Amino acid sequence: MKEKINSFLINLCSEIEYGLRRMCGKPSPMKRFIVVLIISIALSILYIYIIVSSIYNMGKHDAEIRFMELQHIERLKLQQKQDSIISIRN
């Protein structure tokens, strides 16, 4: 299984490299640097967005649990029975 994953990743990397070479021709070191820089910046922005979004959603979920809709407690309507003391007094 591990060999399958490794071979898949190696094939994927070679396909990406082939696509970049075909798209850019034989890139000069400056073009290659720019492509790597753009990809790095895009992935960094995506990474920061995912982290911030996760933290925000965790806080939002905690707040929903902590501050559920609160309602006043209603008094219990008890029937007043004739107590033995009340019947003796009367």
PDB file of N, CA and C in Angstrom:
ATOM      1  N   MET A   1       0.818  -1.190   0.000  1.00  0.00           N
ATOM      2  CA  MET A   1       0.000   0.000   0.000  1.00  0.00           C
ATOM      3  C   MET A   1       0.864   1.257   0.000  1.00  0.00           C
ATOM      4  N   LYS A   2       1.930   1.213   0.828  1.00  0.00           N
ATOM      5  CA  LYS A   2       2.822   2.360   0.922  1.00  0.00           C
ATOM      6  C   LYS A   2       3.544   2.593  -0.410  1.00  0.00           C
ATOM      7  N   GLU A   3       3.905   1.496  -1.085  1.00  0.00           N
ATOM      8  CA  GLU A   3       4.583   1.617  -2.382  1.00  0.00           C
ATOM      9  C   GLU A   3       3.647   2.220  -3.422  1.00  0.00           C
ATOM     10  N   LYS A   4       2.348   1.852  -3.350  1.00  0.00           N
ATOM     11  CA  LYS A   4       1.366   2.402  -4.285  1.00  0.00           C
ATOM     12  C   LYS A   4       1.243   3.911  -4.111  1.00  0.00           C
ATOM     13  N   ILE A   5       1.186   4.350  -2.855  1.00  0.00           N
ATOM     14  CA  ILE A   5       1.061   5.780  -2.578  1.00  0.00           C
ATOM     15  C   ILE A   5       2.305   6.511  -3.047  1.00  0.00           C
ATOM     16  N   ASN A   6       3.489   5.942  -2.769  1.00  0.00           N
ATOM     17  CA  ASN A   6       4.731   6.576  -3.200  1.00  0.00           C
ATOM     18  C   ASN A   6       4.801   6.677  -4.721  1.00  0.00           C
ATOM     19  N   SER A   7       4.436   5.609  -5.405  1.00  0.00           N
ATOM     20  CA  SER A   7       4.491   5.644  -6.872  1.00  0.00           C
ATOM     21  C   SER A   7       3.465   6.642  -7.424  1.00  0.00           C
ATOM     22  N   PHE A   8       2.283   6.729  -6.772  1.00  0.00           N
ATOM     23  CA  PHE A   8       1.277   7.689  -7.212  1.00  0.00           C
ATOM     24  C   PHE A   8       1.800   9.111  -7.051  1.00  0.00           C
ATOM     25  N   LEU A   9       2.422   9.399  -5.904  1.00  0.00           N
ATOM     26  CA  LEU A   9       2.941  10.749  -5.670  1.00  0.00           C
ATOM     27  C   LEU A   9       4.076  11.081  -6.630  1.00  0.00           C
ATOM     28  N   ILE A  10       4.929  10.117  -6.916  1.00  0.00           N
ATOM     29  CA  ILE A  10       6.027  10.351  -7.859  1.00  0.00           C
ATOM     30  C   ILE A  10       5.465  10.627  -9.250  1.00  0.00           C
ATOM     31  N   ASN A  11       4.459   9.841  -9.670  1.00  0.00           N
ATOM     32  CA  ASN A  11       3.833  10.082 -10.969  1.00  0.00           C
ATOM     33  C   ASN A  11       3.133  11.432 -11.011  1.00  0.00           C
ATOM     34  N   LEU A  12       2.475  11.801  -9.920  1.00  0.00           N
ATOM     35  CA  LEU A  12       1.791  13.090  -9.854  1.00  0.00           C
ATOM     36  C   LEU A  12       2.793  14.232  -9.969  1.00  0.00           C
ATOM     37  N   CYS A  13       3.898  14.134  -9.256  1.00  0.00           N
ATOM     38  CA  CYS A  13       4.931  15.178  -9.324  1.00  0.00           C
ATOM     39  C   CYS A  13       5.507  15.291 -10.726  1.00  0.00           C
ATOM     40  N   SER A  14       5.765  14.152 -11.361  1.00  0.00           N
ATOM     41  CA  SER A  14       6.318  14.192 -12.714  1.00  0.00           C
ATOM     42  C   SER A  14       5.312  14.762 -13.711  1.00  0.00           C
ATOM     43  N   GLU A  15       4.023  14.474 -13.526  1.00  0.00           N
ATOM     44  CA  GLU A  15       2.994  15.048 -14.404  1.00  0.00           C
ATOM     45  C   GLU A  15       2.906  16.563 -14.226  1.00  0.00           C
ATOM     46  N   ILE A  16       2.983  17.030 -12.991  1.00  0.00           N
ATOM     47  CA  ILE A  16       2.953  18.470 -12.737  1.00  0.00           C
ATOM     48  C   ILE A  16       4.186  19.129 -13.346  1.00  0.00           C
ATOM     49  N   GLU A  17       5.330  18.512 -13.159  1.00  0.00           N
ATOM     50  CA  GLU A  17       6.568  19.057 -13.733  1.00  0.00           C
ATOM     51  C   GLU A  17       6.486  19.098 -15.254  1.00  0.00           C
ATOM     52  N   TYR A  18       5.959  18.026 -15.865  1.00  0.00           N
ATOM     53  CA  TYR A  18       5.815  17.983 -17.316  1.00  0.00           C
ATOM     54  C   TYR A  18       4.859  19.066 -17.797  1.00  0.00           C
ATOM     55  N   GLY A  19       3.746  19.266 -17.066  1.00  0.00           N
ATOM     56  CA  GLY A  19       2.785  20.304 -17.432  1.00  0.00           C
ATOM     57  C   GLY A  19       3.393  21.695 -17.349  1.00  0.00           C
ATOM     58  N   LEU A  20       4.170  21.948 -16.307  1.00  0.00           N
ATOM     59  CA  LEU A  20       4.827  23.246 -16.170  1.00  0.00           C
ATOM     60  C   LEU A  20       5.854  23.464 -17.270  1.00  0.00           C
ATOM     61  N   ARG A  21       6.605  22.436 -17.575  1.00  0.00           N
ATOM     62  CA  ARG A  21       7.613  22.565 -18.649  1.00  0.00           C
ATOM     63  C   ARG A  21       6.947  22.806 -19.994  1.00  0.00           C
ATOM     64  N   ARG A  22       5.835  22.115 -20.238  1.00  0.00           N
ATOM     65  CA  ARG A  22       5.132  22.295 -21.502  1.00  0.00           C
ATOM     66  C   ARG A  22       4.509  23.681 -21.583  1.00  0.00           C
ATOM     67  N   MET A  23       4.017  24.180 -20.443  1.00  0.00           N
ATOM     68  CA  MET A  23       3.379  25.480 -20.413  1.00  0.00           C
ATOM     69  C   MET A  23       4.407  26.608 -20.564  1.00  0.00           C
ATOM     70  N   CYS A  24       5.533  26.473 -19.930  1.00  0.00           N
ATOM     71  CA  CYS A  24       6.527  27.555 -19.912  1.00  0.00           C
ATOM     72  C   CYS A  24       7.666  27.316 -20.894  1.00  0.00           C
ATOM     73  N   GLY A  25       7.666  26.211 -21.561  1.00  0.00           N
ATOM     74  CA  GLY A  25       8.848  25.869 -22.336  1.00  0.00           C
ATOM     75  C   GLY A  25       9.914  25.422 -21.354  1.00  0.00           C
ATOM     76  N   LYS A  26      11.157  25.613 -21.693  1.00  0.00           N
ATOM     77  CA  LYS A  26      12.203  25.324 -20.711  1.00  0.00           C
ATOM     78  C   LYS A  26      12.382  26.596 -19.905  1.00  0.00           C
ATOM     79  N   PRO A  27      11.871  26.589 -18.674  1.00  0.00           N
ATOM     80  CA  PRO A  27      11.878  27.844 -17.913  1.00  0.00           C
ATOM     81  C   PRO A  27      13.284  28.244 -17.483  1.00  0.00           C
ATOM     82  N   SER A  28      13.501  29.530 -17.543  1.00  0.00           N
ATOM     83  CA  SER A  28      14.761  30.053 -17.027  1.00  0.00           C
ATOM     84  C   SER A  28      14.697  29.984 -15.505  1.00  0.00           C
ATOM     85  N   PRO A  29      15.814  30.101 -14.850  1.00  0.00           N
ATOM     86  CA  PRO A  29      15.778  30.070 -13.387  1.00  0.00           C
ATOM     87  C   PRO A  29      14.875  31.157 -12.794  1.00  0.00           C
ATOM     88  N   MET A  30      14.798  32.312 -13.453  1.00  0.00           N
ATOM     89  CA  MET A  30      13.950  33.390 -12.951  1.00  0.00           C
ATOM     90  C   MET A  30      12.473  33.027 -13.081  1.00  0.00           C
ATOM     91  N   LYS A  31      12.070  32.433 -14.227  1.00  0.00           N
ATOM     92  CA  LYS A  31      10.682  31.998 -14.407  1.00  0.00           C
ATOM     93  C   LYS A  31      10.327  30.929 -13.391  1.00  0.00           C
ATOM     94  N   ARG A  32      11.224  29.998 -13.190  1.00  0.00           N
ATOM     95  CA  ARG A  32      10.988  28.925 -12.236  1.00  0.00           C
ATOM     96  C   ARG A  32      10.818  29.489 -10.829  1.00  0.00           C
ATOM     97  N   PHE A  33      11.675  30.466 -10.481  1.00  0.00           N
ATOM     98  CA  PHE A  33      11.583  31.107  -9.175  1.00  0.00           C
ATOM     99  C   PHE A  33      10.240  31.810  -9.016  1.00  0.00           C
ATOM    100  N   ILE A  34       9.801  32.521 -10.058  1.00  0.00           N
ATOM    101  CA  ILE A  34       8.530  33.242  -9.997  1.00  0.00           C
ATOM    102  C   ILE A  34       7.369  32.265  -9.836  1.00  0.00           C
ATOM    103  N   VAL A  35       7.379  31.147 -10.566  1.00  0.00           N
ATOM    104  CA  VAL A  35       6.308  30.154 -10.454  1.00  0.00           C
ATOM    105  C   VAL A  35       6.276  29.565  -9.047  1.00  0.00           C
ATOM    106  N   VAL A  36       7.429  29.217  -8.524  1.00  0.00           N
ATOM    107  CA  VAL A  36       7.501  28.656  -7.176  1.00  0.00           C
ATOM    108  C   VAL A  36       7.042  29.687  -6.150  1.00  0.00           C
ATOM    109  N   LEU A  37       7.422  30.941  -6.346  1.00  0.00           N
ATOM    110  CA  LEU A  37       7.021  32.000  -5.436  1.00  0.00           C
ATOM    111  C   LEU A  37       5.506  32.217  -5.463  1.00  0.00           C
ATOM    112  N   ILE A  38       4.912  32.231  -6.644  1.00  0.00           N
ATOM    113  CA  ILE A  38       3.462  32.418  -6.761  1.00  0.00           C
ATOM    114  C   ILE A  38       2.715  31.257  -6.119  1.00  0.00           C
ATOM    115  N   ILE A  39       3.155  30.039  -6.378  1.00  0.00           N
ATOM    116  CA  ILE A  39       2.509  28.872  -5.779  1.00  0.00           C
ATOM    117  C   ILE A  39       2.656  28.906  -4.255  1.00  0.00           C
ATOM    118  N   SER A  40       3.836  29.282  -3.766  1.00  0.00           N
ATOM    119  CA  SER A  40       4.060  29.360  -2.316  1.00  0.00           C
ATOM    120  C   SER A  40       3.170  30.411  -1.671  1.00  0.00           C
ATOM    121  N   ILE A  41       3.049  31.567  -2.301  1.00  0.00           N
ATOM    122  CA  ILE A  41       2.203  32.627  -1.751  1.00  0.00           C
ATOM    123  C   ILE A  41       0.742  32.191  -1.752  1.00  0.00           C
ATOM    124  N   ALA A  42       0.286  31.564  -2.849  1.00  0.00           N
ATOM    125  CA  ALA A  42      -1.106  31.110  -2.928  1.00  0.00           C
ATOM    126  C   ALA A  42      -1.400  30.071  -1.852  1.00  0.00           C
ATOM    127  N   LEU A  43      -0.511  29.128  -1.657  1.00  0.00           N
ATOM    128  CA  LEU A  43      -0.718  28.101  -0.634  1.00  0.00           C
ATOM    129  C   LEU A  43      -0.651  28.692   0.772  1.00  0.00           C
ATOM    130  N   SER A  44       0.213  29.680   0.979  1.00  0.00           N
ATOM    131  CA  SER A  44       0.303  30.329   2.292  1.00  0.00           C
ATOM    132  C   SER A  44      -0.982  31.070   2.613  1.00  0.00           C
ATOM    133  N   ILE A  45      -1.525  31.797   1.626  1.00  0.00           N
ATOM    134  CA  ILE A  45      -2.784  32.512   1.844  1.00  0.00           C
ATOM    135  C   ILE A  45      -3.898  31.513   2.133  1.00  0.00           C
ATOM    136  N   LEU A  46      -3.953  30.412   1.384  1.00  0.00           N
ATOM    137  CA  LEU A  46      -4.955  29.380   1.624  1.00  0.00           C
ATOM    138  C   LEU A  46      -4.805  28.779   3.023  1.00  0.00           C
ATOM    139  N   TYR A  47      -3.575  28.521   3.439  1.00  0.00           N
ATOM    140  CA  TYR A  47      -3.307  27.963   4.760  1.00  0.00           C
ATOM    141  C   TYR A  47      -3.780  28.909   5.857  1.00  0.00           C
ATOM    142  N   ILE A  48      -3.456  30.196   5.736  1.00  0.00           N
ATOM    143  CA  ILE A  48      -3.869  31.176   6.743  1.00  0.00           C
ATOM    144  C   ILE A  48      -5.386  31.287   6.775  1.00  0.00           C
ATOM    145  N   TYR A  49      -6.029  31.285   5.607  1.00  0.00           N
ATOM    146  CA  TYR A  49      -7.487  31.359   5.553  1.00  0.00           C
ATOM    147  C   TYR A  49      -8.122  30.165   6.270  1.00  0.00           C
ATOM    148  N   ILE A  50      -7.608  28.965   6.028  1.00  0.00           N
ATOM    149  CA  ILE A  50      -8.158  27.764   6.654  1.00  0.00           C
ATOM    150  C   ILE A  50      -7.993  27.830   8.176  1.00  0.00           C
ATOM    151  N   ILE A  51      -6.833  28.261   8.649  1.00  0.00           N
ATOM    152  CA  ILE A  51      -6.580  28.352  10.089  1.00  0.00           C
ATOM    153  C   ILE A  51      -7.526  29.365  10.734  1.00  0.00           C
ATOM    154  N   VAL A  52      -7.626  30.567  10.146  1.00  0.00           N
ATOM    155  CA  VAL A  52      -8.481  31.611  10.715  1.00  0.00           C
ATOM    156  C   VAL A  52      -9.941  31.179  10.680  1.00  0.00           C
ATOM    157  N   SER A  53     -10.357  30.572   9.575  1.00  0.00           N
ATOM    158  CA  SER A  53     -11.737  30.108   9.449  1.00  0.00           C
ATOM    159  C   SER A  53     -12.046  29.031  10.487  1.00  0.00           C
ATOM    160  N   SER A  54     -11.127  28.127  10.713  1.00  0.00           N
ATOM    161  CA  SER A  54     -11.333  27.069  11.705  1.00  0.00           C
ATOM    162  C   SER A  54     -11.452  27.644  13.111  1.00  0.00           C
ATOM    163  N   ILE A  55     -10.579  28.585  13.439  1.00  0.00           N
ATOM    164  CA  ILE A  55     -10.626  29.196  14.771  1.00  0.00           C
ATOM    165  C   ILE A  55     -11.930  29.964  14.941  1.00  0.00           C
ATOM    166  N   TYR A  56     -12.348  30.700  13.914  1.00  0.00           N
ATOM    167  CA  TYR A  56     -13.600  31.456  13.984  1.00  0.00           C
ATOM    168  C   TYR A  56     -14.789  30.522  14.173  1.00  0.00           C
ATOM    169  N   ASN A  57     -14.821  29.428  13.413  1.00  0.00           N
ATOM    170  CA  ASN A  57     -15.947  28.495  13.519  1.00  0.00           C
ATOM    171  C   ASN A  57     -15.965  27.787  14.872  1.00  0.00           C
ATOM    172  N   MET A  58     -14.777  27.486  15.432  1.00  0.00           N
ATOM    173  CA  MET A  58     -14.740  26.893  16.768  1.00  0.00           C
ATOM    174  C   MET A  58     -15.324  27.851  17.788  1.00  0.00           C
ATOM    175  N   GLY A  59     -14.933  29.133  17.719  1.00  0.00           N
ATOM    176  CA  GLY A  59     -15.455  30.122  18.646  1.00  0.00           C
ATOM    177  C   GLY A  59     -16.940  30.315  18.461  1.00  0.00           C
ATOM    178  N   LYS A  60     -17.396  30.303  17.234  1.00  0.00           N
ATOM    179  CA  LYS A  60     -18.818  30.471  16.955  1.00  0.00           C
ATOM    180  C   LYS A  60     -19.608  29.293  17.520  1.00  0.00           C
ATOM    181  N   HIS A  61     -19.077  28.091  17.349  1.00  0.00           N
ATOM    182  CA  HIS A  61     -19.751  26.891  17.859  1.00  0.00           C
ATOM    183  C   HIS A  61     -19.789  26.915  19.384  1.00  0.00           C
ATOM    184  N   ASP A  62     -18.664  27.297  20.013  1.00  0.00           N
ATOM    185  CA  ASP A  62     -18.635  27.380  21.478  1.00  0.00           C
ATOM    186  C   ASP A  62     -19.619  28.419  21.985  1.00  0.00           C
ATOM    187  N   ALA A  63     -19.710  29.548  21.287  1.00  0.00           N
ATOM    188  CA  ALA A  63     -20.633  30.601  21.715  1.00  0.00           C
ATOM    189  C   ALA A  63     -22.081  30.136  21.589  1.00  0.00           C
ATOM    190  N   GLU A  64     -22.379  29.383  20.552  1.00  0.00           N
ATOM    191  CA  GLU A  64     -23.743  28.878  20.390  1.00  0.00           C
ATOM    192  C   GLU A  64     -24.104  27.925  21.520  1.00  0.00           C
ATOM    193  N   ILE A  65     -23.158  27.108  21.925  1.00  0.00           N
ATOM    194  CA  ILE A  65     -23.416  26.162  23.015  1.00  0.00           C
ATOM    195  C   ILE A  65     -23.534  26.915  24.336  1.00  0.00           C
ATOM    196  N   ARG A  66     -22.614  27.860  24.570  1.00  0.00           N
ATOM    197  CA  ARG A  66     -22.571  28.555  25.847  1.00  0.00           C
ATOM    198  C   ARG A  66     -23.749  29.505  26.033  1.00  0.00           C
ATOM    199  N   PHE A  67     -24.138  30.187  24.966  1.00  0.00           N
ATOM    200  CA  PHE A  67     -25.185  31.197  25.078  1.00  0.00           C
ATOM    201  C   PHE A  67     -26.429  30.771  24.311  1.00  0.00           C
ATOM    202  N   MET A  68     -26.952  29.634  24.686  1.00  0.00           N
ATOM    203  CA  MET A  68     -28.197  29.201  24.074  1.00  0.00           C
ATOM    204  C   MET A  68     -29.301  30.160  24.476  1.00  0.00           C
ATOM    205  N   GLU A  69     -30.401  30.080  23.803  1.00  0.00           N
ATOM    206  CA  GLU A  69     -31.511  30.972  24.099  1.00  0.00           C
ATOM    207  C   GLU A  69     -32.010  30.690  25.510  1.00  0.00           C
ATOM    208  N   LEU A  70     -31.914  31.707  26.328  1.00  0.00           N
ATOM    209  CA  LEU A  70     -32.317  31.549  27.721  1.00  0.00           C
ATOM    210  C   LEU A  70     -33.748  32.024  27.892  1.00  0.00           C
ATOM    211  N   GLN A  71     -34.488  31.338  28.716  1.00  0.00           N
ATOM    212  CA  GLN A  71     -35.857  31.722  29.003  1.00  0.00           C
ATOM    213  C   GLN A  71     -36.021  31.803  30.513  1.00  0.00           C
ATOM    214  N   HIS A  72     -36.986  32.608  30.927  1.00  0.00           N
ATOM    215  CA  HIS A  72     -37.250  32.724  32.352  1.00  0.00           C
ATOM    216  C   HIS A  72     -37.873  31.426  32.859  1.00  0.00           C
ATOM    217  N   ILE A  73     -37.556  31.132  34.086  1.00  0.00           N
ATOM    218  CA  ILE A  73     -38.143  29.950  34.702  1.00  0.00           C
ATOM    219  C   ILE A  73     -39.528  30.338  35.200  1.00  0.00           C
ATOM    220  N   GLU A  74     -40.506  29.597  34.784  1.00  0.00           N
ATOM    221  CA  GLU A  74     -41.874  29.892  35.209  1.00  0.00           C
ATOM    222  C   GLU A  74     -42.104  29.281  36.591  1.00  0.00           C
ATOM    223  N   ARG A  75     -42.924  29.984  37.365  1.00  0.00           N
ATOM    224  CA  ARG A  75     -43.262  29.447  38.673  1.00  0.00           C
ATOM    225  C   ARG A  75     -44.177  28.251  38.501  1.00  0.00           C
ATOM    226  N   LEU A  76     -44.007  27.305  39.373  1.00  0.00           N
ATOM    227  CA  LEU A  76     -44.886  26.157  39.348  1.00  0.00           C
ATOM    228  C   LEU A  76     -46.225  26.544  39.955  1.00  0.00           C
ATOM    229  N   LYS A  77     -47.263  26.157  39.302  1.00  0.00           N
ATOM    230  CA  LYS A  77     -48.596  26.450  39.819  1.00  0.00           C
ATOM    231  C   LYS A  77     -49.042  25.253  40.653  1.00  0.00           C
ATOM    232  N   LEU A  78     -48.896  25.418  41.940  1.00  0.00           N
ATOM    233  CA  LEU A  78     -49.240  24.337  42.851  1.00  0.00           C
ATOM    234  C   LEU A  78     -50.665  24.524  43.358  1.00  0.00           C
ATOM    235  N   GLN A  79     -51.327  23.448  43.521  1.00  0.00           N
ATOM    236  CA  GLN A  79     -52.660  23.521  44.103  1.00  0.00           C
ATOM    237  C   GLN A  79     -52.484  23.588  45.615  1.00  0.00           C
ATOM    238  N   GLN A  80     -53.196  24.511  46.212  1.00  0.00           N
ATOM    239  CA  GLN A  80     -53.066  24.634  47.652  1.00  0.00           C
ATOM    240  C   GLN A  80     -54.048  23.685  48.307  1.00  0.00           C
ATOM    241  N   LYS A  81     -53.510  22.756  48.991  1.00  0.00           N
ATOM    242  CA  LYS A  81     -54.345  21.797  49.711  1.00  0.00           C
ATOM    243  C   LYS A  81     -54.657  22.344  51.086  1.00  0.00           C
ATOM    244  N   GLN A  82     -55.705  21.838  51.630  1.00  0.00           N
ATOM    245  CA  GLN A  82     -56.030  22.194  53.003  1.00  0.00           C
ATOM    246  C   GLN A  82     -55.094  21.412  53.914  1.00  0.00           C
ATOM    247  N   ASP A  83     -54.274  22.142  54.551  1.00  0.00           N
ATOM    248  CA  ASP A  83     -53.327  21.517  55.450  1.00  0.00           C
ATOM    249  C   ASP A  83     -54.017  21.210  56.778  1.00  0.00           C
ATOM    250  N   SER A  84     -53.472  20.313  57.532  1.00  0.00           N
ATOM    251  CA  SER A  84     -54.094  19.944  58.809  1.00  0.00           C
ATOM    252  C   SER A  84     -54.104  21.129  59.762  1.00  0.00           C
ATOM    253  N   ILE A  85     -53.089  21.969  59.709  1.00  0.00           N
ATOM    254  CA  ILE A  85     -53.025  23.132  60.583  1.00  0.00           C
ATOM    255  C   ILE A  85     -54.099  24.136  60.186  1.00  0.00           C
ATOM    256  N   ILE A  86     -54.282  24.323  58.899  1.00  0.00           N
ATOM    257  CA  ILE A  86     -55.292  25.272  58.419  1.00  0.00           C
ATOM    258  C   ILE A  86     -56.691  24.786  58.825  1.00  0.00           C
ATOM    259  N   SER A  87     -56.943  23.498  58.746  1.00  0.00           N
ATOM    260  CA  SER A  87     -58.273  22.979  59.112  1.00  0.00           C
ATOM    261  C   SER A  87     -58.524  23.072  60.620  1.00  0.00           C
ATOM    262  N   ILE A  88     -57.481  22.991  61.421  1.00  0.00           N
ATOM    263  CA  ILE A  88     -57.641  23.112  62.876  1.00  0.00           C
ATOM    264  C   ILE A  88     -57.950  24.553  63.244  1.00  0.00           C
ATOM    265  N   ARG A  89     -57.303  25.498  62.564  1.00  0.00           N
ATOM    266  CA  ARG A  89     -57.502  26.911  62.859  1.00  0.00           C
ATOM    267  C   ARG A  89     -58.936  27.320  62.549  1.00  0.00           C
ATOM    268  N   ASN A  90     -59.513  26.761  61.533  1.00  0.00           N
ATOM    269  CA  ASN A  90     -60.866  27.162  61.126  1.00  0.00           C
ATOM    270  C   ASN A  90     -61.876  26.487  61.927  1.00  0.00           C
TER     271      ASN A  90
END
